[in-house]
Amino acid sequence: MGCQLCGQHKKLIEAHIIPRSWHATLRLPNGPVLKLHKDLSVYPKASQTGEYDPQLLCGCCDNKFSPWEDYTGNILFQELKPEMIQSGPTGQRWYTIPEYDYAAIKLCLLSILWRMSLSKRASFAEVQLGRFESQFKDMILRKDPGDPATFPTFIWRYAGLFSSQWRRGSWRMRLRSRAARQRAFRTLEPPAARIRL
């Protein structure tokens, strides 16, 4: 089987769908990333290395995503200073990044969605780009993010339980029961950050 991006018959690697470099930020202090399932009866599973697919990409093509992933990760996981956060009349909070590399962030997100759509992993079964799959691939190959109206993109960063704070303490213990997971999902707070690309 050939590489899904370049089409050449090269050795394929275990290509991460969600960038591996992001896992250090998402890990529990003394353990792995925990994957939650939309079916709350499913117990959270540990993920030591994240989701990868060995049938998608050659090493050369996988490495093309790294600069976009590193830049986007730095934007997404930066420490928020109080002066960065604004509040609206309805209580919704957000922060604005006045200057950023539009192409790097947009191409990173498009490449993640494209890999999810191609992957046979159960975690991504519902991600199907359909007729847009080839358009995403073409944009990635040309390093063309398109204009903001082409596949508009939003990034949400949550506050409260599902923020960086949820990784501290006994989070794993708190979500051990189904009832606890139901309470957790019902108490999602509005996003603390909103970035429109």
Protein backbone atom coordinates (compact mmCIF):
# COMPACT_ATOMS: atom_id res chain seq x y z
CA MET A 1 0.00 0.00 0.00
CA GLY A 2 1.29 3.44 -0.87
CA CYS A 3 1.48 6.63 1.13
CA GLN A 4 -1.88 8.40 1.13
CA LEU A 5 -0.28 11.82 0.64
CA CYS A 6 2.52 11.40 -1.92
CA GLY A 7 1.15 8.20 -3.48
CA GLN A 8 4.57 6.56 -3.57
CA HIS A 9 5.15 2.98 -2.43
CA LYS A 10 7.43 3.76 0.49
CA LYS A 11 7.62 2.16 3.90
CA LEU A 12 4.70 3.44 5.97
CA ILE A 13 5.13 4.50 9.58
CA GLU A 14 2.89 4.63 12.64
CA ALA A 15 1.69 8.13 11.85
CA HIS A 16 -0.05 9.95 14.68
CA ILE A 17 -3.45 11.39 13.89
CA ILE A 18 -3.44 13.89 16.76
CA PRO A 19 0.09 15.30 16.90
CA ARG A 20 2.29 13.38 19.29
CA SER A 21 3.94 16.61 20.44
CA TRP A 22 0.59 17.68 21.93
CA HIS A 23 0.45 14.67 24.26
CA ALA A 24 2.98 16.05 26.74
CA THR A 25 0.56 18.90 27.43
CA LEU A 26 -2.48 16.62 27.70
CA ARG A 27 -0.95 13.93 29.90
CA LEU A 28 -1.91 13.47 33.53
CA PRO A 29 0.91 14.47 35.90
CA ASN A 30 1.72 10.84 36.74
CA GLY A 31 0.11 8.93 33.93
CA PRO A 32 -1.12 8.75 30.35
CA VAL A 33 -3.69 10.71 28.40
CA LEU A 34 -7.19 9.41 29.14
CA LYS A 35 -9.63 8.97 26.27
CA LEU A 36 -13.28 9.68 27.03
CA HIS A 37 -16.05 8.07 25.00
CA LYS A 38 -19.32 9.77 24.08
CA ASP A 39 -21.06 6.66 25.45
CA LEU A 40 -20.74 7.39 29.15
CA SER A 41 -21.03 3.72 30.05
CA VAL A 42 -17.60 3.20 28.47
CA TYR A 43 -14.85 3.58 31.06
CA PRO A 44 -12.07 6.07 30.13
CA LYS A 45 -9.10 4.32 28.53
CA ALA A 46 -5.44 5.16 28.98
CA SER A 47 -3.53 6.12 25.87
CA GLN A 48 0.24 5.95 26.26
CA THR A 49 1.14 7.08 22.76
CA GLY A 50 -2.04 8.57 21.34
CA GLU A 51 -3.92 7.53 18.22
CA TYR A 52 -1.81 6.49 15.26
CA ASP A 53 -2.44 4.62 12.04
CA PRO A 54 0.28 2.49 10.38
CA GLN A 55 -1.43 2.53 6.98
CA LEU A 56 -1.49 6.22 6.11
CA LEU A 57 1.83 7.95 5.61
CA CYS A 58 5.49 7.51 4.85
CA GLY A 59 7.95 9.16 7.22
CA CYS A 60 8.78 11.96 4.79
CA CYS A 61 5.14 13.01 4.41
CA ASP A 62 4.41 12.67 8.13
CA ASN A 63 7.31 15.04 8.87
CA LYS A 64 5.79 17.71 6.62
CA PHE A 65 3.11 18.31 9.24
CA SER A 66 5.54 18.92 12.12
CA PRO A 67 6.12 22.68 11.67
CA TRP A 68 2.35 23.31 11.49
CA GLU A 69 1.68 21.05 14.48
CA ASP A 70 4.41 22.59 16.63
CA TYR A 71 3.26 26.13 15.89
CA THR A 72 -0.43 25.34 16.48
CA GLY A 73 0.39 23.46 19.70
CA ASN A 74 2.26 26.50 21.01
CA ILE A 75 -0.79 28.67 20.27
CA LEU A 76 -3.33 26.23 21.75
CA PHE A 77 -1.47 25.37 24.92
CA GLN A 78 0.03 28.72 25.83
CA GLU A 79 -0.46 29.96 29.35
CA LEU A 80 -3.36 32.40 29.49
CA LYS A 81 -2.65 35.60 31.39
CA PRO A 82 -5.61 37.37 33.04
CA GLU A 83 -5.17 40.43 30.85
CA MET A 84 -5.64 38.27 27.73
CA ILE A 85 -9.16 37.14 28.67
CA GLN A 86 -12.21 39.24 27.79
CA SER A 87 -15.81 38.77 28.91
CA GLY A 88 -19.08 39.36 27.08
CA PRO A 89 -22.49 40.41 28.44
CA THR A 90 -23.70 36.79 28.57
CA GLY A 91 -20.73 35.64 30.64
CA GLN A 92 -18.92 34.03 27.74
CA ARG A 93 -15.17 34.55 27.92
CA TRP A 94 -12.61 34.56 25.15
CA TYR A 95 -9.15 35.68 24.27
CA THR A 96 -7.79 37.06 21.08
CA ILE A 97 -4.44 36.44 19.48
CA PRO A 98 -3.85 39.60 17.43
CA GLU A 99 -1.10 38.17 15.24
CA TYR A 100 -0.69 34.57 14.19
CA ASP A 101 0.30 32.45 11.22
CA TYR A 102 -3.06 31.77 9.59
CA ALA A 103 -1.62 29.27 7.10
CA ALA A 104 0.18 27.17 9.72
CA ILE A 105 -2.85 26.83 12.00
CA LYS A 106 -5.36 26.21 9.23
CA LEU A 107 -3.16 23.63 7.45
CA CYS A 108 -2.51 21.88 10.76
CA LEU A 109 -6.24 21.53 11.43
CA LEU A 110 -7.03 20.48 7.85
CA SER A 111 -4.28 17.84 7.97
CA ILE A 112 -5.63 16.40 11.25
CA LEU A 113 -9.16 16.18 9.85
CA TRP A 114 -7.84 14.62 6.62
CA ARG A 115 -5.91 11.96 8.59
CA MET A 116 -8.96 11.27 10.78
CA SER A 117 -11.11 10.79 7.69
CA LEU A 118 -8.65 8.35 6.10
CA SER A 119 -7.95 6.39 9.27
CA LYS A 120 -9.61 3.05 9.98
CA ARG A 121 -9.26 3.60 13.75
CA ALA A 122 -12.54 3.24 15.62
CA SER A 123 -11.98 6.60 17.35
CA PHE A 124 -12.38 8.40 14.03
CA ALA A 125 -15.10 6.28 12.42
CA GLU A 126 -17.54 9.20 12.38
CA VAL A 127 -15.10 11.62 10.72
CA GLN A 128 -15.81 11.39 7.00
CA LEU A 129 -14.79 14.18 4.63
CA GLY A 130 -16.43 12.39 1.70
CA ARG A 131 -16.12 14.40 -1.51
CA PHE A 132 -13.95 16.98 0.27
CA GLU A 133 -11.19 14.49 1.08
CA SER A 134 -9.33 15.09 -2.19
CA GLN A 135 -9.71 18.85 -1.82
CA PHE A 136 -8.16 18.71 1.66
CA LYS A 137 -5.29 16.62 0.29
CA ASP A 138 -4.70 19.06 -2.55
CA MET A 139 -4.65 22.04 -0.16
CA ILE A 140 -2.16 20.22 2.09
CA LEU A 141 0.12 19.32 -0.83
CA ARG A 142 0.06 22.89 -2.16
CA LYS A 143 0.40 24.34 1.37
CA ASP A 144 -2.66 26.42 0.55
CA PRO A 145 -4.93 27.12 3.55
CA GLY A 146 -7.55 28.76 1.37
CA ASP A 147 -9.35 31.91 2.40
CA PRO A 148 -11.31 32.08 5.69
CA ALA A 149 -14.55 31.19 3.88
CA THR A 150 -13.05 27.92 2.60
CA PHE A 151 -13.65 25.39 5.37
CA PRO A 152 -14.13 28.01 8.14
CA THR A 153 -12.34 26.94 11.29
CA PHE A 154 -12.96 27.62 14.98
CA ILE A 155 -10.84 26.58 17.91
CA TRP A 156 -12.42 26.22 21.36
CA ARG A 157 -10.45 26.01 24.58
CA TYR A 158 -12.51 25.04 27.59
CA ALA A 159 -12.34 26.45 31.09
CA GLY A 160 -13.17 24.66 34.30
CA LEU A 161 -13.38 20.88 34.46
CA PHE A 162 -12.11 20.24 30.94
CA SER A 163 -9.32 22.81 31.03
CA SER A 164 -5.71 22.25 31.97
CA GLN A 165 -6.93 22.13 35.59
CA TRP A 166 -8.71 18.79 35.07
CA ARG A 167 -5.37 17.00 34.79
CA ARG A 168 -4.46 17.72 38.39
CA GLY A 169 -5.17 15.61 41.43
CA SER A 170 -7.42 12.57 41.33
CA TRP A 171 -9.16 13.18 38.02
CA ARG A 172 -9.04 9.48 37.15
CA MET A 173 -10.74 8.62 40.45
CA ARG A 174 -13.40 11.30 39.97
CA LEU A 175 -14.48 9.85 36.61
CA ARG A 176 -14.44 6.21 37.70
CA SER A 177 -18.26 5.87 37.86
CA ARG A 178 -20.70 6.47 35.02
CA ALA A 179 -22.63 8.94 37.19
CA ALA A 180 -19.46 10.97 37.71
CA ARG A 181 -18.83 11.08 33.95
CA GLN A 182 -22.42 12.21 33.35
CA ARG A 183 -22.01 15.02 35.90
CA ALA A 184 -18.70 16.00 34.31
CA PHE A 185 -20.18 16.35 30.83
CA ARG A 186 -23.25 18.23 32.10
CA THR A 187 -21.06 20.79 33.87
CA LEU A 188 -18.96 21.82 30.87
CA GLU A 189 -18.44 25.53 31.16
CA PRO A 190 -18.49 27.90 28.17
CA PRO A 191 -15.23 28.09 26.27
CA ALA A 192 -12.55 30.31 27.74
CA ALA A 193 -10.95 30.86 24.40
CA ARG A 194 -12.25 31.26 20.91
CA ILE A 195 -10.08 31.68 17.87
CA ARG A 196 -11.70 32.16 14.50
CA LEU A 197 -9.49 31.52 11.49
